[in-house]
PDB file of N, CA and C in Angstrom:
ATOM      1  N   ALA A   1      36.981 164.480 209.536  1.00  0.00           N
ATOM      2  CA  ALA A   1      36.302 163.705 208.489  1.00  0.00           C
ATOM      3  C   ALA A   1      36.848 163.971 207.224  1.00  0.00           C
ATOM      4  N   ARG A   2      36.758 163.201 206.133  1.00  0.00           N
ATOM      5  CA  ARG A   2      37.317 163.270 204.965  1.00  0.00           C
ATOM      6  C   ARG A   2      36.034 164.237 204.026  1.00  0.00           C
ATOM      7  N   SER A   3      36.571 164.906 203.235  1.00  0.00           N
ATOM      8  CA  SER A   3      35.718 165.783 202.278  1.00  0.00           C
ATOM      9  C   SER A   3      34.863 164.920 201.347  1.00  0.00           C
ATOM     10  N   GLY A   4      33.974 165.364 200.967  1.00  0.00           N
ATOM     11  CA  GLY A   4      32.879 164.504 199.813  1.00  0.00           C
ATOM     12  C   GLY A   4      33.682 164.609 198.488  1.00  0.00           C
ATOM     13  N   PRO A   5      34.106 165.796 197.888  1.00  0.00           N
ATOM     14  CA  PRO A   5      34.556 165.672 196.806  1.00  0.00           C
ATOM     15  C   PRO A   5      35.862 164.927 196.555  1.00  0.00           C
ATOM     16  N   ARG A   6      36.876 164.943 197.555  1.00  0.00           N
ATOM     17  CA  ARG A   6      38.043 164.521 197.550  1.00  0.00           C
ATOM     18  C   ARG A   6      37.874 162.675 197.758  1.00  0.00           C
ATOM     19  N   ARG A   7      37.113 162.188 198.357  1.00  0.00           N
ATOM     20  CA  ARG A   7      36.537 160.921 198.177  1.00  0.00           C
ATOM     21  C   ARG A   7      36.131 160.343 197.022  1.00  0.00           C
ATOM     22  N   ALA A   8      35.041 161.255 196.567  1.00  0.00           N
ATOM     23  CA  ALA A   8      34.610 161.341 195.307  1.00  0.00           C
ATOM     24  C   ALA A   8      35.549 160.831 193.990  1.00  0.00           C
ATOM     25  N   ALA A   9      36.725 161.914 194.022  1.00  0.00           N
ATOM     26  CA  ALA A   9      37.816 161.963 193.217  1.00  0.00           C
ATOM     27  C   ALA A   9      38.645 160.592 193.442  1.00  0.00           C
ATOM     28  N   ALA A  10      38.690 160.044 194.491  1.00  0.00           N
ATOM     29  CA  ALA A  10      39.708 158.902 194.654  1.00  0.00           C
ATOM     30  C   ALA A  10      38.905 157.594 194.401  1.00  0.00           C
ATOM     31  N   GLY A  11      37.712 157.702 194.203  1.00  0.00           N
ATOM     32  CA  GLY A  11      36.810 156.678 193.799  1.00  0.00           C
ATOM     33  C   GLY A  11      36.628 156.364 192.545  1.00  0.00           C
ATOM     34  N   ALA A  12      36.760 157.842 191.729  1.00  0.00           N
ATOM     35  CA  ALA A  12      36.572 158.105 190.162  1.00  0.00           C
ATOM     36  C   ALA A  12      37.888 157.500 189.661  1.00  0.00           C
ATOM     37  N   GLU A  13      39.178 157.833 190.363  1.00  0.00           N
ATOM     38  CA  GLU A  13      40.470 157.465 190.053  1.00  0.00           C
ATOM     39  C   GLU A  13      40.697 155.789 189.945  1.00  0.00           C
ATOM     40  N   ARG A  14      39.890 155.389 191.309  1.00  0.00           N
ATOM     41  CA  ARG A  14      40.092 153.666 191.390  1.00  0.00           C
ATOM     42  C   ARG A  14      39.436 153.255 190.373  1.00  0.00           C
ATOM     43  N   GLU A  15      38.117 153.620 189.709  1.00  0.00           N
ATOM     44  CA  GLU A  15      37.295 153.237 188.757  1.00  0.00           C
ATOM     45  C   GLU A  15      37.945 153.438 187.354  1.00  0.00           C
ATOM     46  N   ARG A  16      38.775 154.222 187.313  1.00  0.00           N
ATOM     47  CA  ARG A  16      39.718 154.474 186.363  1.00  0.00           C
ATOM     48  C   ARG A  16      40.725 153.543 185.773  1.00  0.00           C
ATOM     49  N   GLN A  17      41.133 153.571 186.890  1.00  0.00           N
ATOM     50  CA  GLN A  17      42.407 152.359 187.049  1.00  0.00           C
ATOM     51  C   GLN A  17      42.029 151.011 186.700  1.00  0.00           C
ATOM     52  N   ARG A  18      40.686 150.664 187.374  1.00  0.00           N
ATOM     53  CA  ARG A  18      40.210 149.336 186.998  1.00  0.00           C
ATOM     54  C   ARG A  18      39.895 149.010 185.712  1.00  0.00           C
ATOM     55  N   LEU A  19      39.344 149.999 184.839  1.00  0.00           N
ATOM     56  CA  LEU A  19      38.947 150.219 183.571  1.00  0.00           C
ATOM     57  C   LEU A  19      40.149 150.208 182.612  1.00  0.00           C
ATOM     58  N   VAL A  20      41.281 150.806 182.895  1.00  0.00           N
ATOM     59  CA  VAL A  20      42.553 150.532 182.106  1.00  0.00           C
ATOM     60  C   VAL A  20      43.203 149.276 182.137  1.00  0.00           C
ATOM     61  N   ASN A  21      43.024 148.586 183.403  1.00  0.00           N
ATOM     62  CA  ASN A  21      43.617 147.064 183.715  1.00  0.00           C
ATOM     63  C   ASN A  21      42.965 146.224 182.692  1.00  0.00           C
ATOM     64  N   ALA A  22      41.555 146.365 183.020  1.00  0.00           N
ATOM     65  CA  ALA A  22      40.564 145.255 182.182  1.00  0.00           C
ATOM     66  C   ALA A  22      41.061 145.575 180.816  1.00  0.00           C
ATOM     67  N   GLN A  23      41.100 146.800 180.401  1.00  0.00           N
ATOM     68  CA  GLN A  23      41.464 146.814 178.883  1.00  0.00           C
ATOM     69  C   GLN A  23      42.801 146.392 178.356  1.00  0.00           C
ATOM     70  N   ALA A  24      43.892 146.642 179.352  1.00  0.00           N
ATOM     71  CA  ALA A  24      45.128 146.159 178.994  1.00  0.00           C
ATOM     72  C   ALA A  24      44.789 144.341 178.834  1.00  0.00           C
ATOM     73  N   TRP A  25      44.220 143.750 179.733  1.00  0.00           N
ATOM     74  CA  TRP A  25      44.175 142.447 179.910  1.00  0.00           C
ATOM     75  C   TRP A  25      43.325 142.045 178.671  1.00  0.00           C
ATOM     76  N   ARG A  26      42.386 142.666 178.260  1.00  0.00           N
ATOM     77  CA  ARG A  26      41.501 142.637 177.118  1.00  0.00           C
ATOM     78  C   ARG A  26      42.402 142.505 175.921  1.00  0.00           C
ATOM     79  N   GLU A  27      43.085 143.351 175.537  1.00  0.00           N
ATOM     80  CA  GLU A  27      44.107 143.490 174.606  1.00  0.00           C
ATOM     81  C   GLU A  27      44.950 142.260 174.704  1.00  0.00           C
ATOM     82  N   LYS A  28      45.553 141.762 175.348  1.00  0.00           N
ATOM     83  CA  LYS A  28      46.301 140.770 175.813  1.00  0.00           C
ATOM     84  C   LYS A  28      45.710 139.399 175.566  1.00  0.00           C
ATOM     85  N   GLY A  29      44.616 139.314 175.955  1.00  0.00           N
ATOM     86  CA  GLY A  29      43.681 138.102 175.545  1.00  0.00           C
ATOM     87  C   GLY A  29      43.305 138.122 173.921  1.00  0.00           C
ATOM     88  N   ASN A  30      43.177 139.214 173.395  1.00  0.00           N
ATOM     89  CA  ASN A  30      42.807 139.107 171.951  1.00  0.00           C
ATOM     90  C   ASN A  30      44.221 138.862 171.105  1.00  0.00           C
ATOM     91  N   ARG A  31      45.243 139.378 171.578  1.00  0.00           N
ATOM     92  CA  ARG A  31      46.591 138.989 170.982  1.00  0.00           C
ATOM     93  C   ARG A  31      46.767 137.311 171.055  1.00  0.00           C
ATOM     94  N   ARG A  32      46.605 136.716 172.119  1.00  0.00           N
ATOM     95  CA  ARG A  32      46.752 135.351 172.751  1.00  0.00           C
ATOM     96  C   ARG A  32      45.632 134.644 171.732  1.00  0.00           C
ATOM     97  N   PHE A  33      44.628 135.259 171.564  1.00  0.00           N
ATOM     98  CA  PHE A  33      43.202 134.499 170.894  1.00  0.00           C
ATOM     99  C   PHE A  33      43.774 134.461 169.189  1.00  0.00           C
ATOM    100  N   ARG A  34      44.525 135.703 168.662  1.00  0.00           N
ATOM    101  CA  ARG A  34      44.787 135.715 167.327  1.00  0.00           C
ATOM    102  C   ARG A  34      45.974 134.694 167.170  1.00  0.00           C
ATOM    103  N   ALA A  35      46.595 134.515 168.186  1.00  0.00           N
ATOM    104  CA  ALA A  35      47.837 133.655 168.360  1.00  0.00           C
ATOM    105  C   ALA A  35      47.544 132.108 168.359  1.00  0.00           C
ATOM    106  N   LEU A  36      46.138 131.690 168.385  1.00  0.00           N
ATOM    107  CA  LEU A  36      45.668 130.884 168.484  1.00  0.00           C
ATOM    108  C   LEU A  36      45.840 129.848 169.803  1.00  0.00           C
ATOM    109  N   ASP A  37      46.409 130.992 170.985  1.00  0.00           N
ATOM    110  CA  ASP A  37      46.636 130.431 172.218  1.00  0.00           C
ATOM    111  C   ASP A  37      45.443 130.619 173.083  1.00  0.00           C
ATOM    112  N   PHE A  38      44.003 129.759 173.016  1.00  0.00           N
ATOM    113  CA  PHE A  38      43.041 129.801 173.476  1.00  0.00           C
ATOM    114  C   PHE A  38      42.914 129.701 174.972  1.00  0.00           C
ATOM    115  N   PRO A  39      43.546 128.813 175.519  1.00  0.00           N
ATOM    116  CA  PRO A  39      44.021 128.780 177.073  1.00  0.00           C
ATOM    117  C   PRO A  39      44.735 130.034 177.612  1.00  0.00           C
ATOM    118  N   GLY A  40      45.369 130.582 176.735  1.00  0.00           N
ATOM    119  CA  GLY A  40      46.297 132.001 177.189  1.00  0.00           C
ATOM    120  C   GLY A  40      45.223 133.061 177.181  1.00  0.00           C
ATOM    121  N   ALA A  41      44.204 133.286 176.117  1.00  0.00           N
ATOM    122  CA  ALA A  41      43.220 134.229 176.133  1.00  0.00           C
ATOM    123  C   ALA A  41      42.337 134.050 177.200  1.00  0.00           C
ATOM    124  N   ILE A  42      42.007 132.716 177.339  1.00  0.00           N
ATOM    125  CA  ILE A  42      40.827 132.675 178.706  1.00  0.00           C
ATOM    126  C   ILE A  42      41.523 133.296 179.902  1.00  0.00           C
ATOM    127  N   GLU A  43      42.582 132.908 180.057  1.00  0.00           N
ATOM    128  CA  GLU A  43      43.508 133.497 181.202  1.00  0.00           C
ATOM    129  C   GLU A  43      43.539 134.942 180.977  1.00  0.00           C
ATOM    130  N   ALA A  44      43.799 135.373 180.268  1.00  0.00           N
ATOM    131  CA  ALA A  44      43.678 136.879 179.936  1.00  0.00           C
ATOM    132  C   ALA A  44      42.489 137.568 180.294  1.00  0.00           C
ATOM    133  N   TYR A  45      41.439 137.062 179.644  1.00  0.00           N
ATOM    134  CA  TYR A  45      39.868 137.544 179.798  1.00  0.00           C
ATOM    135  C   TYR A  45      39.697 137.432 181.070  1.00  0.00           C
ATOM    136  N   THR A  46      39.871 136.403 182.056  1.00  0.00           N
ATOM    137  CA  THR A  46      39.750 136.186 183.090  1.00  0.00           C
ATOM    138  C   THR A  46      40.156 137.134 184.107  1.00  0.00           C
ATOM    139  N   ARG A  47      41.545 137.376 183.864  1.00  0.00           N
ATOM    140  CA  ARG A  47      42.017 138.449 184.606  1.00  0.00           C
ATOM    141  C   ARG A  47      41.668 139.704 184.502  1.00  0.00           C
ATOM    142  N   GLY A  48      41.286 140.204 183.316  1.00  0.00           N
ATOM    143  CA  GLY A  48      40.598 141.675 183.221  1.00  0.00           C
ATOM    144  C   GLY A  48      39.546 141.585 183.783  1.00  0.00           C
ATOM    145  N   LEU A  49      38.674 140.297 183.853  1.00  0.00           N
ATOM    146  CA  LEU A  49      37.324 140.587 184.420  1.00  0.00           C
ATOM    147  C   LEU A  49      37.511 140.772 186.064  1.00  0.00           C
ATOM    148  N   ARG A  50      38.598 140.369 186.577  1.00  0.00           N
ATOM    149  CA  ARG A  50      38.983 140.728 187.922  1.00  0.00           C
ATOM    150  C   ARG A  50      39.075 141.757 188.542  1.00  0.00           C
ATOM    151  N   HIS A  51      39.303 142.938 187.333  1.00  0.00           N
ATOM    152  CA  HIS A  51      39.520 144.241 187.522  1.00  0.00           C
ATOM    153  C   HIS A  51      38.096 145.088 187.203  1.00  0.00           C
ATOM    154  N   ARG A  52      37.464 144.354 186.330  1.00  0.00           N
ATOM    155  CA  ARG A  52      36.026 145.183 186.090  1.00  0.00           C
ATOM    156  C   ARG A  52      35.234 143.929 185.364  1.00  0.00           C
ATOM    157  N   PRO A  53      33.860 143.749 185.439  1.00  0.00           N
ATOM    158  CA  PRO A  53      32.954 142.962 185.057  1.00  0.00           C
ATOM    159  C   PRO A  53      32.734 143.844 183.976  1.00  0.00           C
ATOM    160  N   CYS A  54      32.802 143.028 182.684  1.00  0.00           N
ATOM    161  CA  CYS A  54      32.391 143.746 181.469  1.00  0.00           C
ATOM    162  C   CYS A  54      31.871 142.667 180.231  1.00  0.00           C
ATOM    163  N   PRO A  55      30.916 142.933 179.478  1.00  0.00           N
ATOM    164  CA  PRO A  55      30.512 142.403 178.531  1.00  0.00           C
ATOM    165  C   PRO A  55      31.007 141.918 177.532  1.00  0.00           C
ATOM    166  N   VAL A  56      31.953 142.672 177.133  1.00  0.00           N
ATOM    167  CA  VAL A  56      33.014 142.299 176.048  1.00  0.00           C
ATOM    168  C   VAL A  56      33.821 141.427 176.561  1.00  0.00           C
ATOM    169  N   LEU A  57      34.517 141.393 177.766  1.00  0.00           N
ATOM    170  CA  LEU A  57      35.530 140.482 178.059  1.00  0.00           C
ATOM    171  C   LEU A  57      34.871 139.143 178.065  1.00  0.00           C
ATOM    172  N   LEU A  58      33.534 139.101 178.807  1.00  0.00           N
ATOM    173  CA  LEU A  58      32.534 137.903 178.643  1.00  0.00           C
ATOM    174  C   LEU A  58      32.385 137.243 177.627  1.00  0.00           C
ATOM    175  N   ALA A  59      32.237 137.951 176.425  1.00  0.00           N
ATOM    176  CA  ALA A  59      31.944 137.688 175.151  1.00  0.00           C
ATOM    177  C   ALA A  59      33.310 137.082 174.495  1.00  0.00           C
ATOM    178  N   ASN A  60      34.237 137.619 174.286  1.00  0.00           N
ATOM    179  CA  ASN A  60      35.417 137.252 174.154  1.00  0.00           C
ATOM    180  C   ASN A  60      35.920 136.042 174.501  1.00  0.00           C
ATOM    181  N   ARG A  61      35.796 135.740 176.110  1.00  0.00           N
ATOM    182  CA  ARG A  61      36.279 134.952 176.693  1.00  0.00           C
ATOM    183  C   ARG A  61      35.485 133.521 176.316  1.00  0.00           C
ATOM    184  N   ALA A  62      33.946 133.631 176.011  1.00  0.00           N
ATOM    185  CA  ALA A  62      33.019 132.843 175.358  1.00  0.00           C
ATOM    186  C   ALA A  62      33.495 132.446 173.998  1.00  0.00           C
ATOM    187  N   GLN A  63      34.243 133.368 173.376  1.00  0.00           N
ATOM    188  CA  GLN A  63      34.504 132.742 172.179  1.00  0.00           C
ATOM    189  C   GLN A  63      35.812 131.583 172.323  1.00  0.00           C
ATOM    190  N   ALA A  64      36.346 132.096 172.982  1.00  0.00           N
ATOM    191  CA  ALA A  64      37.810 131.264 173.505  1.00  0.00           C
ATOM    192  C   ALA A  64      37.109 129.973 173.900  1.00  0.00           C
ATOM    193  N   TRP A  65      36.280 129.928 174.797  1.00  0.00           N
ATOM    194  CA  TRP A  65      35.918 128.660 175.449  1.00  0.00           C
ATOM    195  C   TRP A  65      35.135 127.694 174.227  1.00  0.00           C
ATOM    196  N   LEU A  66      34.410 128.436 173.304  1.00  0.00           N
ATOM    197  CA  LEU A  66      33.908 127.683 172.356  1.00  0.00           C
ATOM    198  C   LEU A  66      35.056 127.013 171.445  1.00  0.00           C
ATOM    199  N   ARG A  67      36.206 127.895 171.258  1.00  0.00           N
ATOM    200  CA  ARG A  67      37.308 127.290 170.547  1.00  0.00           C
ATOM    201  C   ARG A  67      37.901 125.862 171.336  1.00  0.00           C
ATOM    202  N   GLU A  68      37.764 126.102 172.338  1.00  0.00           N
ATOM    203  CA  GLU A  68      38.369 125.153 173.263  1.00  0.00           C
ATOM    204  C   GLU A  68      37.274 123.999 173.767  1.00  0.00           C
ATOM    205  N   HIS A  69      36.186 123.851 172.634  1.00  0.00           N
ATOM    206  CA  HIS A  69      35.215 122.838 172.815  1.00  0.00           C
ATOM    207  C   HIS A  69      34.635 122.607 174.072  1.00  0.00           C
ATOM    208  N   ARG A  70      34.115 124.053 174.909  1.00  0.00           N
ATOM    209  CA  ARG A  70      33.564 124.080 176.196  1.00  0.00           C
ATOM    210  C   ARG A  70      32.336 125.142 176.126  1.00  0.00           C
ATOM    211  N   PRO A  71      31.357 124.453 175.401  1.00  0.00           N
ATOM    212  CA  PRO A  71      30.026 125.139 175.063  1.00  0.00           C
ATOM    213  C   PRO A  71      29.250 125.666 176.351  1.00  0.00           C
ATOM    214  N   GLU A  72      29.400 124.818 177.267  1.00  0.00           N
ATOM    215  CA  GLU A  72      28.817 125.190 178.687  1.00  0.00           C
ATOM    216  C   GLU A  72      29.182 126.351 179.032  1.00  0.00           C
ATOM    217  N   ARG A  73      30.914 126.674 179.020  1.00  0.00           N
ATOM    218  CA  ARG A  73      31.299 127.550 179.915  1.00  0.00           C
ATOM    219  C   ARG A  73      31.158 128.974 179.026  1.00  0.00           C
ATOM    220  N   ALA A  74      31.050 128.646 177.577  1.00  0.00           N
ATOM    221  CA  ALA A  74      30.890 130.092 176.889  1.00  0.00           C
ATOM    222  C   ALA A  74      29.256 130.308 176.782  1.00  0.00           C
ATOM    223  N   GLU A  75      28.178 129.284 177.135  1.00  0.00           N
ATOM    224  CA  GLU A  75      26.747 129.575 177.451  1.00  0.00           C
ATOM    225  C   GLU A  75      26.815 130.436 178.659  1.00  0.00           C
ATOM    226  N   ALA A  76      27.470 129.955 179.462  1.00  0.00           N
ATOM    227  CA  ALA A  76      27.495 130.652 180.934  1.00  0.00           C
ATOM    228  C   ALA A  76      28.041 132.269 180.877  1.00  0.00           C
ATOM    229  N   ASP A  77      29.014 132.401 180.093  1.00  0.00           N
ATOM    230  CA  ASP A  77      29.733 133.672 180.273  1.00  0.00           C
ATOM    231  C   ASP A  77      28.781 134.594 179.438  1.00  0.00           C
ATOM    232  N   CYS A  78      28.163 134.264 178.264  1.00  0.00           N
ATOM    233  CA  CYS A  78      27.235 134.779 177.387  1.00  0.00           C
ATOM    234  C   CYS A  78      25.765 135.130 178.151  1.00  0.00           C
ATOM    235  N   SER A  79      25.533 134.638 179.117  1.00  0.00           N
ATOM    236  CA  SER A  79      24.439 134.691 179.892  1.00  0.00           C
ATOM    237  C   SER A  79      24.611 136.034 180.772  1.00  0.00           C
ATOM    238  N   VAL A  80      25.881 135.648 181.509  1.00  0.00           N
ATOM    239  CA  VAL A  80      26.282 137.105 182.373  1.00  0.00           C
ATOM    240  C   VAL A  80      26.560 138.288 181.609  1.00  0.00           C
ATOM    241  N   ALA A  81      27.158 138.137 180.360  1.00  0.00           N
ATOM    242  CA  ALA A  81      27.136 139.419 179.684  1.00  0.00           C
ATOM    243  C   ALA A  81      25.793 140.055 179.096  1.00  0.00           C
ATOM    244  N   LEU A  82      25.080 139.363 178.762  1.00  0.00           N
ATOM    245  CA  LEU A  82      23.657 139.601 178.627  1.00  0.00           C
ATOM    246  C   LEU A  82      23.065 140.145 179.798  1.00  0.00           C
ATOM    247  N   GLU A  83      23.138 139.804 180.726  1.00  0.00           N
ATOM    248  CA  GLU A  83      22.703 140.388 182.086  1.00  0.00           C
ATOM    249  C   GLU A  83      23.244 141.812 182.289  1.00  0.00           C
ATOM    250  N   LEU A  84      24.655 141.736 182.036  1.00  0.00           N
ATOM    251  CA  LEU A  84      25.261 143.324 182.105  1.00  0.00           C
ATOM    252  C   LEU A  84      24.802 144.467 180.808  1.00  0.00           C
ATOM    253  N   ASP A  85      24.648 143.695 179.648  1.00  0.00           N
ATOM    254  CA  ASP A  85      24.310 144.384 178.343  1.00  0.00           C
ATOM    255  C   ASP A  85      23.214 143.837 177.535  1.00  0.00           C
ATOM    256  N   PRO A  86      22.127 143.871 177.860  1.00  0.00           N
ATOM    257  CA  PRO A  86      20.997 142.807 177.223  1.00  0.00           C
ATOM    258  C   PRO A  86      21.232 143.045 175.665  1.00  0.00           C
ATOM    259  N   ARG A  87      21.642 144.248 175.290  1.00  0.00           N
ATOM    260  CA  ARG A  87      21.831 144.538 173.541  1.00  0.00           C
ATOM    261  C   ARG A  87      22.923 144.012 173.085  1.00  0.00           C
ATOM    262  N   SER A  88      23.850 143.516 173.844  1.00  0.00           N
ATOM    263  CA  SER A  88      25.089 142.767 173.130  1.00  0.00           C
ATOM    264  C   SER A  88      24.854 141.962 172.166  1.00  0.00           C
ATOM    265  N   VAL A  89      25.023 142.209 170.711  1.00  0.00           N
ATOM    266  CA  VAL A  89      24.766 141.399 169.652  1.00  0.00           C
ATOM    267  C   VAL A  89      25.849 139.998 169.643  1.00  0.00           C
ATOM    268  N   LYS A  90      27.113 140.464 170.229  1.00  0.00           N
ATOM    269  CA  LYS A  90      28.102 139.672 170.216  1.00  0.00           C
ATOM    270  C   LYS A  90      27.944 138.323 171.069  1.00  0.00           C
ATOM    271  N   ALA A  91      27.465 138.913 172.431  1.00  0.00           N
ATOM    272  CA  ALA A  91      27.335 137.728 173.494  1.00  0.00           C
ATOM    273  C   ALA A  91      25.960 137.015 173.010  1.00  0.00           C
ATOM    274  N   LEU A  92      24.870 137.517 172.220  1.00  0.00           N
ATOM    275  CA  LEU A  92      23.790 136.663 171.983  1.00  0.00           C
ATOM    276  C   LEU A  92      23.966 135.645 170.954  1.00  0.00           C
ATOM    277  N   ALA A  93      24.740 136.323 169.863  1.00  0.00           N
ATOM    278  CA  ALA A  93      25.185 135.112 168.846  1.00  0.00           C
ATOM    279  C   ALA A  93      26.310 134.019 169.443  1.00  0.00           C
ATOM    280  N   ARG A  94      27.100 134.216 170.217  1.00  0.00           N
ATOM    281  CA  ARG A  94      27.868 133.430 170.705  1.00  0.00           C
ATOM    282  C   ARG A  94      27.154 132.348 171.632  1.00  0.00           C
ATOM    283  N   ARG A  95      26.177 133.188 172.466  1.00  0.00           N
ATOM    284  CA  ARG A  95      25.473 131.927 173.500  1.00  0.00           C
ATOM    285  C   ARG A  95      24.628 131.240 172.454  1.00  0.00           C
ATOM    286  N   ALA A  96      24.074 131.757 171.356  1.00  0.00           N
ATOM    287  CA  ALA A  96      23.287 130.932 170.550  1.00  0.00           C
ATOM    288  C   ALA A  96      24.253 129.736 169.724  1.00  0.00           C
ATOM    289  N   ALA A  97      25.294 130.085 169.362  1.00  0.00           N
ATOM    290  CA  ALA A  97      26.246 129.197 168.943  1.00  0.00           C
ATOM    291  C   ALA A  97      26.685 128.213 169.780  1.00  0.00           C
ATOM    292  N   ALA A  98      26.788 128.612 171.253  1.00  0.00           N
ATOM    293  CA  ALA A  98      27.207 127.401 172.531  1.00  0.00           C
ATOM    294  C   ALA A  98      26.212 126.687 172.543  1.00  0.00           C
ATOM    295  N   ARG A  99      24.916 127.266 172.611  1.00  0.00           N
ATOM    296  CA  ARG A  99      23.541 126.522 172.691  1.00  0.00           C
ATOM    297  C   ARG A  99      23.292 125.375 171.608  1.00  0.00           C
ATOM    298  N   ARG A 100      23.772 125.474 170.393  1.00  0.00           N
ATOM    299  CA  ARG A 100      23.665 124.797 169.466  1.00  0.00           C
ATOM    300  C   ARG A 100      24.853 123.479 169.487  1.00  0.00           C
ATOM    301  N   LEU A 101      25.843 123.673 170.287  1.00  0.00           N
ATOM    302  CA  LEU A 101      26.611 122.606 170.608  1.00  0.00           C
ATOM    303  C   LEU A 101      26.456 121.878 171.980  1.00  0.00           C
ATOM    304  N   LEU A 102      25.381 122.388 172.888  1.00  0.00           N
ATOM    305  CA  LEU A 102      25.225 121.495 173.918  1.00  0.00           C
ATOM    306  C   LEU A 102      24.155 120.578 173.700  1.00  0.00           C
TER     307      LEU A 102
END
């Protein structure tokens, strides 16, 4: 049988790697967003979300959706972000912006 501490350490390492991967994709998305490549930013944030659900990635992707004139997608992302972190001011402000456009 596997030992408890060894299994816990392996799980912690997998979670750390998911976080590192999600952060790398967030940085790529931010670079693409600054370059006004909104579809590329959306793709990068989406790939980051595959590694780890994160309210910041969702709020960032929502901003890219707004720039692509897709407020319904932005509103959905912000709603999920707020389920993960009800205090996310960024997600709340972006959801309000999306709802004004719906």
